[in-house]
C-alpha atoms as a PDB file:
ATOM      1  CA  MET A   1     -49.108  63.973 -22.798  1.00  0.00           C
ATOM      2  CA  ALA A   2     -47.069  60.937 -21.738  1.00  0.00           C
ATOM      3  CA  ASP A   3     -43.822  62.668 -22.750  1.00  0.00           C
ATOM      4  CA  LYS A   4     -44.809  65.782 -20.805  1.00  0.00           C
ATOM      5  CA  THR A   5     -45.557  63.733 -17.680  1.00  0.00           C
ATOM      6  CA  LYS A   6     -42.252  61.898 -18.087  1.00  0.00           C
ATOM      7  CA  ASN A   7     -40.348  65.187 -18.361  1.00  0.00           C
ATOM      8  CA  ILE A   8     -42.060  66.537 -15.232  1.00  0.00           C
ATOM      9  CA  LEU A   9     -41.181  63.393 -13.276  1.00  0.00           C
ATOM     10  CA  LEU A  10     -37.566  63.473 -14.457  1.00  0.00           C
ATOM     11  CA  GLY A  11     -37.269  67.132 -13.481  1.00  0.00           C
ATOM     12  CA  ALA A  12     -38.773  66.404 -10.067  1.00  0.00           C
ATOM     13  CA  LEU A  13     -36.332  63.609  -9.199  1.00  0.00           C
ATOM     14  CA  PRO A  14     -33.409  65.865  -8.107  1.00  0.00           C
ATOM     15  CA  PHE A  15     -35.769  67.906  -5.905  1.00  0.00           C
ATOM     16  CA  ILE A  16     -37.156  64.751  -4.300  1.00  0.00           C
ATOM     17  CA  ALA A  17     -33.612  63.499  -3.646  1.00  0.00           C
ATOM     18  CA  VAL A  18     -32.640  66.810  -2.018  1.00  0.00           C
ATOM     19  CA  ILE A  19     -35.756  66.738   0.209  1.00  0.00           C
ATOM     20  CA  ILE A  20     -35.063  63.158   1.320  1.00  0.00           C
ATOM     21  CA  ILE A  21     -31.401  63.898   2.140  1.00  0.00           C
ATOM     22  CA  TRP A  22     -32.454  67.107   3.899  1.00  0.00           C
ATOM     23  CA  GLN A  23     -34.990  65.226   6.056  1.00  0.00           C
ATOM     24  CA  LEU A  24     -32.474  62.494   6.926  1.00  0.00           C
ATOM     25  CA  LEU A  25     -29.807  65.007   7.943  1.00  0.00           C
ATOM     26  CA  ALA A  26     -32.300  66.935  10.072  1.00  0.00           C
ATOM     27  CA  THR A  27     -33.475  63.729  11.754  1.00  0.00           C
ATOM     28  CA  GLY A  28     -29.956  62.652  12.667  1.00  0.00           C
ATOM     29  CA  SER A  29     -28.544  65.972  13.934  1.00  0.00           C
ATOM     30  CA  ASN A  30     -30.020  68.467  16.408  1.00  0.00           C
ATOM     31  CA  PHE A  31     -27.433  71.079  15.382  1.00  0.00           C
ATOM     32  CA  PHE A  32     -28.432  70.741  11.738  1.00  0.00           C
ATOM     33  CA  THR A  33     -32.093  71.114  12.691  1.00  0.00           C
ATOM     34  CA  MET A  34     -31.346  74.395  14.493  1.00  0.00           C
ATOM     35  CA  LEU A  35     -30.008  75.899  11.264  1.00  0.00           C
ATOM     36  CA  PHE A  36     -32.109  74.007   8.731  1.00  0.00           C
ATOM     37  CA  PRO A  37     -35.571  72.996   9.939  1.00  0.00           C
ATOM     38  CA  PRO A  38     -36.660  69.718   8.340  1.00  0.00           C
ATOM     39  CA  PRO A  39     -39.066  69.636   5.399  1.00  0.00           C
ATOM     40  CA  SER A  40     -41.749  68.341   7.752  1.00  0.00           C
ATOM     41  CA  GLU A  41     -41.645  71.787   9.453  1.00  0.00           C
ATOM     42  CA  VAL A  42     -40.798  74.015   6.497  1.00  0.00           C
ATOM     43  CA  PHE A  43     -43.500  72.909   4.068  1.00  0.00           C
ATOM     44  CA  PRO A  44     -46.401  73.365   6.543  1.00  0.00           C
ATOM     45  CA  LYS A  45     -45.012  76.839   7.304  1.00  0.00           C
ATOM     46  CA  PHE A  46     -44.683  77.542   3.597  1.00  0.00           C
ATOM     47  CA  TRP A  47     -48.294  76.506   3.052  1.00  0.00           C
ATOM     48  CA  GLU A  48     -49.439  78.647   5.990  1.00  0.00           C
ATOM     49  CA  LEU A  49     -47.649  81.726   4.630  1.00  0.00           C
ATOM     50  CA  LEU A  50     -49.084  81.016   1.190  1.00  0.00           C
ATOM     51  CA  ILE A  51     -52.663  80.662   2.399  1.00  0.00           C
ATOM     52  CA  ASN A  52     -52.621  83.714   4.694  1.00  0.00           C
ATOM     53  CA  GLY A  53     -51.331  85.873   1.842  1.00  0.00           C
ATOM     54  CA  VAL A  54     -47.890  86.769   3.219  1.00  0.00           C
ATOM     55  CA  LEU A  55     -45.850  85.174   0.437  1.00  0.00           C
ATOM     56  CA  PRO A  56     -48.168  86.295  -2.412  1.00  0.00           C
ATOM     57  CA  ARG A  57     -48.009  89.874  -1.103  1.00  0.00           C
ATOM     58  CA  LEU A  58     -44.215  89.762  -0.905  1.00  0.00           C
ATOM     59  CA  PHE A  59     -44.049  88.293  -4.399  1.00  0.00           C
ATOM     60  CA  ILE A  60     -46.178  91.135  -5.805  1.00  0.00           C
ATOM     61  CA  ILE A  61     -43.931  93.715  -4.116  1.00  0.00           C
ATOM     62  CA  SER A  62     -40.825  92.071  -5.585  1.00  0.00           C
ATOM     63  CA  LEU A  63     -42.524  91.896  -8.980  1.00  0.00           C
ATOM     64  CA  LEU A  64     -43.129  95.655  -8.847  1.00  0.00           C
ATOM     65  CA  ASN A  65     -39.477  96.080  -7.878  1.00  0.00           C
ATOM     66  CA  ILE A  66     -38.185  94.144 -10.880  1.00  0.00           C
ATOM     67  CA  PHE A  67     -40.677  94.285 -13.749  1.00  0.00           C
ATOM     68  CA  PRO A  68     -40.454  97.942 -14.929  1.00  0.00           C
ATOM     69  CA  ALA A  69     -36.652  97.987 -14.732  1.00  0.00           C
ATOM     70  CA  PHE A  70     -36.230  94.628 -16.473  1.00  0.00           C
ATOM     71  CA  VAL A  71     -38.567  95.575 -19.329  1.00  0.00           C
ATOM     72  CA  PHE A  72     -36.825  98.929 -19.778  1.00  0.00           C
ATOM     73  CA  ALA A  73     -33.345  97.358 -19.706  1.00  0.00           C
ATOM     74  CA  SER A  74     -34.431  94.644 -22.167  1.00  0.00           C
ATOM     75  CA  LEU A  75     -35.747  97.188 -24.678  1.00  0.00           C
ATOM     76  CA  ILE A  76     -32.608  99.330 -24.490  1.00  0.00           C
ATOM     77  CA  ALA A  77     -30.361  96.265 -24.722  1.00  0.00           C
ATOM     78  CA  VAL A  78     -32.163  94.946 -27.814  1.00  0.00           C
ATOM     79  CA  ILE A  79     -32.133  98.338 -29.565  1.00  0.00           C
ATOM     80  CA  LEU A  80     -28.537  99.229 -28.724  1.00  0.00           C
ATOM     81  CA  GLY A  81     -27.304  95.655 -29.238  1.00  0.00           C
ATOM     82  CA  THR A  82     -28.862  95.601 -32.701  1.00  0.00           C
ATOM     83  CA  LEU A  83     -27.238  98.923 -33.611  1.00  0.00           C
ATOM     84  CA  ILE A  84     -23.854  97.705 -32.366  1.00  0.00           C
ATOM     85  CA  GLY A  85     -24.250  94.489 -34.339  1.00  0.00           C
ATOM     86  CA  ILE A  86     -25.014  96.191 -37.651  1.00  0.00           C
ATOM     87  CA  ASN A  87     -22.993  99.405 -37.380  1.00  0.00           C
ATOM     88  CA  GLU A  88     -19.229  99.441 -36.866  1.00  0.00           C
ATOM     89  CA  THR A  89     -19.134 103.069 -35.690  1.00  0.00           C
ATOM     90  CA  VAL A  90     -21.702 102.421 -32.975  1.00  0.00           C
ATOM     91  CA  ARG A  91     -19.774  99.296 -31.939  1.00  0.00           C
ATOM     92  CA  LYS A  92     -16.509 101.237 -31.546  1.00  0.00           C
ATOM     93  CA  MET A  93     -18.329 103.927 -29.556  1.00  0.00           C
ATOM     94  CA  PHE A  94     -20.179 101.771 -27.029  1.00  0.00           C
ATOM     95  CA  SER A  95     -18.183  98.527 -26.721  1.00  0.00           C
ATOM     96  CA  PRO A  96     -15.568  99.902 -24.265  1.00  0.00           C
ATOM     97  CA  ILE A  97     -18.082 101.276 -21.757  1.00  0.00           C
ATOM     98  CA  ILE A  98     -20.280  98.164 -21.977  1.00  0.00           C
ATOM     99  CA  SER A  99     -17.230  95.982 -21.314  1.00  0.00           C
ATOM    100  CA  ALA A 100     -16.332  98.115 -18.301  1.00  0.00           C
ATOM    101  CA  VAL A 101     -19.825  98.044 -16.813  1.00  0.00           C
ATOM    102  CA  TYR A 102     -20.163  94.300 -17.438  1.00  0.00           C
ATOM    103  CA  LEU A 103     -17.216  93.479 -15.166  1.00  0.00           C
ATOM    104  CA  ILE A 104     -18.587  95.430 -12.193  1.00  0.00           C
ATOM    105  CA  PRO A 105     -20.719  93.275  -9.824  1.00  0.00           C
ATOM    106  CA  SER A 106     -24.250  94.630  -9.688  1.00  0.00           C
ATOM    107  CA  LEU A 107     -24.246  94.975  -5.878  1.00  0.00           C
ATOM    108  CA  ALA A 108     -21.138  97.163  -6.141  1.00  0.00           C
ATOM    109  CA  TRP A 109     -23.380  99.849  -7.666  1.00  0.00           C
ATOM    110  CA  LEU A 110     -25.708  99.855  -4.667  1.00  0.00           C
ATOM    111  CA  PRO A 111     -23.867 102.373  -2.406  1.00  0.00           C
ATOM    112  CA  LEU A 112     -23.634 104.859  -5.281  1.00  0.00           C
ATOM    113  CA  LEU A 113     -27.253 104.358  -6.255  1.00  0.00           C
ATOM    114  CA  ILE A 114     -28.347 104.876  -2.639  1.00  0.00           C
ATOM    115  CA  LEU A 115     -26.476 108.185  -2.603  1.00  0.00           C
ATOM    116  CA  ILE A 116     -28.315 109.260  -5.766  1.00  0.00           C
ATOM    117  CA  PHE A 117     -31.829 107.907  -5.142  1.00  0.00           C
ATOM    118  CA  GLY A 118     -31.832 107.175  -1.393  1.00  0.00           C
ATOM    119  CA  PHE A 119     -33.462 104.099   0.135  1.00  0.00           C
ATOM    120  CA  THR A 120     -36.220 104.028  -2.467  1.00  0.00           C
ATOM    121  CA  ARG A 121     -37.660 101.750  -5.119  1.00  0.00           C
ATOM    122  CA  GLU A 122     -35.814 103.811  -7.739  1.00  0.00           C
ATOM    123  CA  THR A 123     -32.539 102.473  -6.331  1.00  0.00           C
ATOM    124  CA  ILE A 124     -33.788  98.908  -6.817  1.00  0.00           C
ATOM    125  CA  TRP A 125     -34.938  99.693 -10.353  1.00  0.00           C
ATOM    126  CA  ALA A 126     -31.582 101.197 -11.297  1.00  0.00           C
ATOM    127  CA  MET A 127     -29.623  98.219  -9.995  1.00  0.00           C
ATOM    128  CA  VAL A 128     -31.919  95.693 -11.662  1.00  0.00           C
ATOM    129  CA  ALA A 129     -31.634  97.568 -14.951  1.00  0.00           C
ATOM    130  CA  ILE A 130     -27.834  97.642 -14.807  1.00  0.00           C
ATOM    131  CA  SER A 131     -27.638  93.983 -13.831  1.00  0.00           C
ATOM    132  CA  SER A 132     -29.902  92.706 -16.618  1.00  0.00           C
ATOM    133  CA  PHE A 133     -28.793  95.115 -19.360  1.00  0.00           C
ATOM    134  CA  THR A 134     -25.189  93.920 -19.539  1.00  0.00           C
ATOM    135  CA  LYS A 135     -26.236  90.249 -19.673  1.00  0.00           C
ATOM    136  CA  ILE A 136     -28.794  90.778 -22.438  1.00  0.00           C
ATOM    137  CA  ILE A 137     -26.865  93.069 -24.741  1.00  0.00           C
ATOM    138  CA  TYR A 138     -23.978  90.666 -25.393  1.00  0.00           C
ATOM    139  CA  SER A 139     -26.420  87.972 -26.501  1.00  0.00           C
ATOM    140  CA  VAL A 140     -28.146  90.439 -28.819  1.00  0.00           C
ATOM    141  CA  ILE A 141     -24.856  91.545 -30.361  1.00  0.00           C
ATOM    142  CA  GLY A 142     -23.740  87.956 -30.832  1.00  0.00           C
ATOM    143  CA  GLY A 143     -27.042  87.021 -32.447  1.00  0.00           C
ATOM    144  CA  VAL A 144     -26.986  89.952 -34.879  1.00  0.00           C
ATOM    145  CA  ARG A 145     -23.373  89.367 -35.904  1.00  0.00           C
ATOM    146  CA  SER A 146     -23.974  85.644 -36.462  1.00  0.00           C
ATOM    147  CA  ILE A 147     -26.773  86.107 -39.010  1.00  0.00           C
ATOM    148  CA  ASP A 148     -26.047  84.327 -42.298  1.00  0.00           C
ATOM    149  CA  GLN A 149     -24.625  86.650 -44.944  1.00  0.00           C
ATOM    150  CA  VAL A 150     -27.071  85.195 -47.450  1.00  0.00           C
ATOM    151  CA  TRP A 151     -29.888  86.799 -45.465  1.00  0.00           C
ATOM    152  CA  TRP A 152     -28.200  90.194 -45.713  1.00  0.00           C
ATOM    153  CA  LEU A 153     -27.711  89.786 -49.459  1.00  0.00           C
ATOM    154  CA  THR A 154     -31.321  88.725 -49.900  1.00  0.00           C
ATOM    155  CA  ALA A 155     -32.536  91.829 -48.064  1.00  0.00           C
ATOM    156  CA  LYS A 156     -30.243  93.960 -50.220  1.00  0.00           C
ATOM    157  CA  ASN A 157     -31.502  92.335 -53.426  1.00  0.00           C
ATOM    158  CA  PHE A 158     -35.080  93.053 -52.400  1.00  0.00           C
ATOM    159  CA  LYS A 159     -33.979  96.649 -51.728  1.00  0.00           C
ATOM    160  CA  LEU A 160     -35.340  96.627 -48.188  1.00  0.00           C
ATOM    161  CA  SER A 161     -34.804  99.754 -46.112  1.00  0.00           C
ATOM    162  CA  THR A 162     -32.630  99.555 -43.018  1.00  0.00           C
ATOM    163  CA  PHE A 163     -35.694  99.542 -40.775  1.00  0.00           C
ATOM    164  CA  LYS A 164     -37.368  96.737 -42.732  1.00  0.00           C
ATOM    165  CA  THR A 165     -34.120  94.755 -42.796  1.00  0.00           C
ATOM    166  CA  VAL A 166     -33.899  95.003 -39.020  1.00  0.00           C
ATOM    167  CA  MET A 167     -37.549  94.061 -38.469  1.00  0.00           C
ATOM    168  CA  MET A 168     -37.757  91.290 -41.089  1.00  0.00           C
ATOM    169  CA  VAL A 169     -34.235  89.836 -41.050  1.00  0.00           C
ATOM    170  CA  VAL A 170     -32.113  90.938 -38.090  1.00  0.00           C
ATOM    171  CA  LEU A 171     -34.516  90.526 -35.180  1.00  0.00           C
ATOM    172  CA  PRO A 172     -36.089  87.230 -36.351  1.00  0.00           C
ATOM    173  CA  GLY A 173     -32.653  85.834 -37.245  1.00  0.00           C
ATOM    174  CA  SER A 174     -31.149  86.710 -33.876  1.00  0.00           C
ATOM    175  CA  LEU A 175     -34.225  85.784 -31.810  1.00  0.00           C
ATOM    176  CA  PRO A 176     -32.740  82.570 -30.311  1.00  0.00           C
ATOM    177  CA  ASN A 177     -29.813  84.604 -28.969  1.00  0.00           C
ATOM    178  CA  ILE A 178     -32.131  87.352 -27.746  1.00  0.00           C
ATOM    179  CA  LEU A 179     -34.257  84.846 -25.825  1.00  0.00           C
ATOM    180  CA  SER A 180     -31.117  83.318 -24.342  1.00  0.00           C
ATOM    181  CA  GLY A 181     -29.999  86.778 -23.250  1.00  0.00           C
ATOM    182  CA  LEU A 182     -33.404  87.524 -21.713  1.00  0.00           C
ATOM    183  CA  ARG A 183     -33.195  84.287 -19.724  1.00  0.00           C
ATOM    184  CA  THR A 184     -29.737  85.163 -18.420  1.00  0.00           C
ATOM    185  CA  GLY A 185     -30.711  88.764 -17.843  1.00  0.00           C
ATOM    186  CA  PHE A 186     -33.802  87.848 -15.857  1.00  0.00           C
ATOM    187  CA  GLY A 187     -31.816  85.438 -13.688  1.00  0.00           C
ATOM    188  CA  SER A 188     -29.220  88.115 -12.986  1.00  0.00           C
ATOM    189  CA  ALA A 189     -31.921  90.730 -12.324  1.00  0.00           C
ATOM    190  CA  TRP A 190     -33.810  88.428  -9.925  1.00  0.00           C
ATOM    191  CA  ARG A 191     -30.655  87.621  -7.939  1.00  0.00           C
ATOM    192  CA  SER A 192     -29.679  91.289  -7.762  1.00  0.00           C
ATOM    193  CA  LEU A 193     -33.206  92.255  -6.741  1.00  0.00           C
ATOM    194  CA  VAL A 194     -33.265  89.913  -3.741  1.00  0.00           C
ATOM    195  CA  GLY A 195     -29.823  91.103  -2.640  1.00  0.00           C
ATOM    196  CA  ALA A 196     -30.814  94.746  -2.996  1.00  0.00           C
ATOM    197  CA  GLU A 197     -34.075  94.246  -1.082  1.00  0.00           C
ATOM    198  CA  MET A 198     -32.047  92.877   1.831  1.00  0.00           C
ATOM    199  CA  LEU A 199     -30.185  96.188   2.044  1.00  0.00           C
ATOM    200  CA  VAL A 200     -32.808  98.664   0.838  1.00  0.00           C
ATOM    201  CA  VAL A 201     -35.394  97.278   3.248  1.00  0.00           C
ATOM    202  CA  THR A 202     -37.792 100.189   2.712  1.00  0.00           C
ATOM    203  CA  ALA A 203     -38.536  98.716  -0.725  1.00  0.00           C
ATOM    204  CA  GLY A 204     -39.908  95.553   0.911  1.00  0.00           C
ATOM    205  CA  GLY A 205     -40.224  92.287  -0.964  1.00  0.00           C
ATOM    206  CA  LEU A 206     -38.872  88.787  -0.511  1.00  0.00           C
ATOM    207  CA  GLY A 207     -35.313  89.962   0.149  1.00  0.00           C
ATOM    208  CA  LYS A 208     -36.404  92.091   3.107  1.00  0.00           C
ATOM    209  CA  TYR A 209     -38.535  89.239   4.470  1.00  0.00           C
ATOM    210  CA  ILE A 210     -35.654  86.744   4.338  1.00  0.00           C
ATOM    211  CA  TRP A 211     -33.213  89.246   5.841  1.00  0.00           C
ATOM    212  CA  LEU A 212     -35.440  90.151   8.783  1.00  0.00           C
ATOM    213  CA  SER A 213     -36.484  86.538   9.404  1.00  0.00           C
ATOM    214  CA  GLN A 214     -32.904  85.346   9.820  1.00  0.00           C
ATOM    215  CA  TRP A 215     -32.254  87.988  12.497  1.00  0.00           C
ATOM    216  CA  VAL A 216     -35.038  86.575  14.655  1.00  0.00           C
ATOM    217  CA  PHE A 217     -33.927  82.980  13.930  1.00  0.00           C
ATOM    218  CA  LYS A 218     -37.080  82.059  12.019  1.00  0.00           C
ATOM    219  CA  PHE A 219     -35.245  79.842   9.564  1.00  0.00           C
ATOM    220  CA  ASP A 220     -38.420  78.108   8.425  1.00  0.00           C
ATOM    221  CA  GLN A 221     -39.566  81.485   7.080  1.00  0.00           C
ATOM    222  CA  VAL A 222     -36.149  82.045   5.490  1.00  0.00           C
ATOM    223  CA  ILE A 223     -36.402  78.754   3.618  1.00  0.00           C
ATOM    224  CA  ALA A 224     -40.033  79.486   2.671  1.00  0.00           C
ATOM    225  CA  GLY A 225     -38.852  82.729   1.073  1.00  0.00           C
ATOM    226  CA  ILE A 226     -36.064  80.896  -0.749  1.00  0.00           C
ATOM    227  CA  ILE A 227     -38.594  78.384  -2.089  1.00  0.00           C
ATOM    228  CA  ILE A 228     -40.677  81.202  -3.567  1.00  0.00           C
ATOM    229  CA  ILE A 229     -37.558  82.675  -5.197  1.00  0.00           C
ATOM    230  CA  ALA A 230     -36.764  79.285  -6.765  1.00  0.00           C
ATOM    231  CA  LEU A 231     -40.369  78.791  -7.915  1.00  0.00           C
ATOM    232  CA  VAL A 232     -40.281  82.158  -9.685  1.00  0.00           C
ATOM    233  CA  GLY A 233     -37.249  80.981 -11.656  1.00  0.00           C
ATOM    234  CA  ILE A 234     -38.977  77.737 -12.646  1.00  0.00           C
ATOM    235  CA  ALA A 235     -42.180  79.572 -13.593  1.00  0.00           C
ATOM    236  CA  ALA A 236     -40.300  82.148 -15.678  1.00  0.00           C
ATOM    237  CA  GLU A 237     -38.525  79.391 -17.595  1.00  0.00           C
ATOM    238  CA  PHE A 238     -41.450  77.099 -18.357  1.00  0.00           C
ATOM    239  CA  LEU A 239     -44.392  79.517 -18.414  1.00  0.00           C
ATOM    240  CA  ILE A 240     -42.762  82.460 -20.188  1.00  0.00           C
ATOM    241  CA  PHE A 241     -39.496  81.815 -22.013  1.00  0.00           C
ATOM    242  CA  GLU A 242     -40.278  78.281 -23.187  1.00  0.00           C
ATOM    243  CA  LYS A 243     -43.745  79.356 -24.336  1.00  0.00           C
ATOM    244  CA  ILE A 244     -42.240  82.228 -26.331  1.00  0.00           C
ATOM    245  CA  GLU A 245     -39.745  79.811 -27.880  1.00  0.00           C
ATOM    246  CA  LYS A 246     -42.500  77.429 -28.963  1.00  0.00           C
ATOM    247  CA  LEU A 247     -44.477  80.269 -30.541  1.00  0.00           C
ATOM    248  CA  THR A 248     -41.458  81.669 -32.402  1.00  0.00           C
ATOM    249  CA  THR A 249     -38.163  79.855 -32.933  1.00  0.00           C
ATOM    250  CA  VAL A 250     -39.570  76.326 -32.610  1.00  0.00           C
ATOM    251  CA  LYS A 251     -42.577  77.114 -34.803  1.00  0.00           C
ATOM    252  CA  TRP A 252     -40.277  78.653 -37.405  1.00  0.00           C
ATOM    253  CA  GLY A 253     -37.980  75.607 -37.356  1.00  0.00           C
ATOM    254  CA  MET A 254     -34.993  77.528 -35.950  1.00  0.00           C
ATOM    255  CA  ARG A 255     -34.575  75.204 -32.955  1.00  0.00           C
ATOM    256  CA  GLN A 256     -36.187  72.203 -31.335  1.00  0.00           C
ATOM    257  CA  ILE A 257     -37.499  71.468 -27.848  1.00  0.00           C
ATOM    258  CA  ASN A 258     -37.846  67.805 -26.987  1.00  0.00           C
END
């Protein structure tokens, strides 16, 4: 318990330092305050928006905009990445197109997706899926190809079928890389989602809220929206990915978390 409290305090120190510097800059400059309201104004506004349900409602909308596409992209990336990692023919077939798609910024797809799906949630889903898929699949491929050859030989000696080898050897052995890819993929998907919501405003969400707030110079609301975006990232890391790690790779002795 003491170690956990210590880790929380250490992690909070940079945030506290940023808030103090932010408050000092706002106190000493009227111009700075016009663009960046001080914490003494932002946090009460943040609390107000939280209590009256505005921010929770926006969060739920953004969650609906990201969750189905991210889950779908993750499943396809794990399946295809595993096939590419274990089969040379599949690797030669799909590696060129994956490399090409990977280099294209996710927002560059938005005009084309709008032409196909219009200003709809489907456009957001498609962009989120593209953004997260390319980040996840490379981690999956790397994890599969880095599995110890002894594990492959052991599976062969036990005469395991290809399916059983994948389920009992490949996926567990590459799980640390898969989790790393899911982390990166979620971060990329979340950033792309907010950017897309700013342009496809009919889909709503935090991106739309931030975009519209800045046009009416309500920068306290802009920063409140940014805070929620940051909190989602922290929550995803410590409440989802780290928990999964502790229940799998840490429990199995594949890696350690101090």
